[in-house]
Amino acid sequence: YSGPVLFEGEAAVGVLRFTLAPNLGGTPVPEGLSPQEAKTFGGALTDKVGLKVTAPSLSIVDDPTAREGGGKALIGGYKIDDEGVPSQRVEVVKDGTLKTLLLSRTPSQKGQVSNGHARRTAEGGAFHGSATNLFVVGKGAIPRAALRKKLLAQARADGLKFALVIRRFDDAAITSAPEFSRRELVQLIKTTDQQLPPPTVLAYRVYPNGKEELVRGAQLAEVPIRAWKDVLGVSKETTTYNFLAASEGQLQLRLTGGTDDGFVPSGGIESAIVTPDLLLKEIDVLSTSAGERPAPILPKPGT
């Protein structure tokens, strides 16, 4: 599938969490990393301050001083970051323009100074500027039902027979390792692109008559930063979601979680995102069987 995708509820949080938010940090990428390691570090926006990076309707703020968002308590707040710098509210994107990035005390060639966002340990042990309480605000917000109609209208204009709505991504902090053996997880890591967002759990084809059909095995292809310039609309309804952001990939969390070394699969930095539903104009979605086990050869005893 290649076309408009509506991310509703937790999926709106997920697409931000796994694609845009990691690139809001401005800490320089350490030298000597492989291209794959550098990509996990983020930094795709370090040379784009002052330029348009999202649709003009979007503004993004990270506010570790906030205690509530969307009527719910947030867990990402703190007074002092991990390098001893007082936390600050930072307007990262205003009306689509990147104003600044989330910075640690690691110096850069541009002479930027910390704005109190050193939270996540990066490669080499340095602290990485990262989002904690991320707020996304959109101009021209419309009700969720109207946004779905806009999705279908865009799909029709693109010549598609249906559109796609995603409501939830897989999360290793919730669906941990027990359902897979270590051997199966190692095989998944070898055969799966860990740079991609995790697979969807709830994805639906939506037809012009409003009928929804569950899609199994839907996997987003890489979501480029430029895709955020084509946000077609946002909802009036917002979702507030608290989570623990880990630097490890989702499959790596599955491999290490639940083992004798005591690693907690939900371990990470306290974080929260408050966002409306997001309608993106063109997203590529693949079909994947990663993580699916074949049916048992023999029936369950006693059946």
Foldseek 3Di string as FASTA:
>chain_A
DKWKEWEAFARQVQCCQQAPFLQLWQADQDPPDDPVQSVLNHPPCNPQAFHFQFALFKWKKFFLCDQDDLRGGAFLHDQAEPVGHGADIDGQAHSRHGHHGAYDCRQDPVGDHHRRQFHAQGPPRGTIRGGFEMEMGGPPAAAPVVVVVVQQVLCVVVVHQWGKYAYFFDACLVVAQPVDDLVLLVVLVVPDDLSFRGATDFMWTAGPVGDTDTDPQKTWDRDDSNQNNAWPHFHPDKYKDKAFDHSDGSSVLRNPDPDPVPDRSRHHRIHMYIGTIIMTTITDIDGDCRPPDDDDPDDDPPD
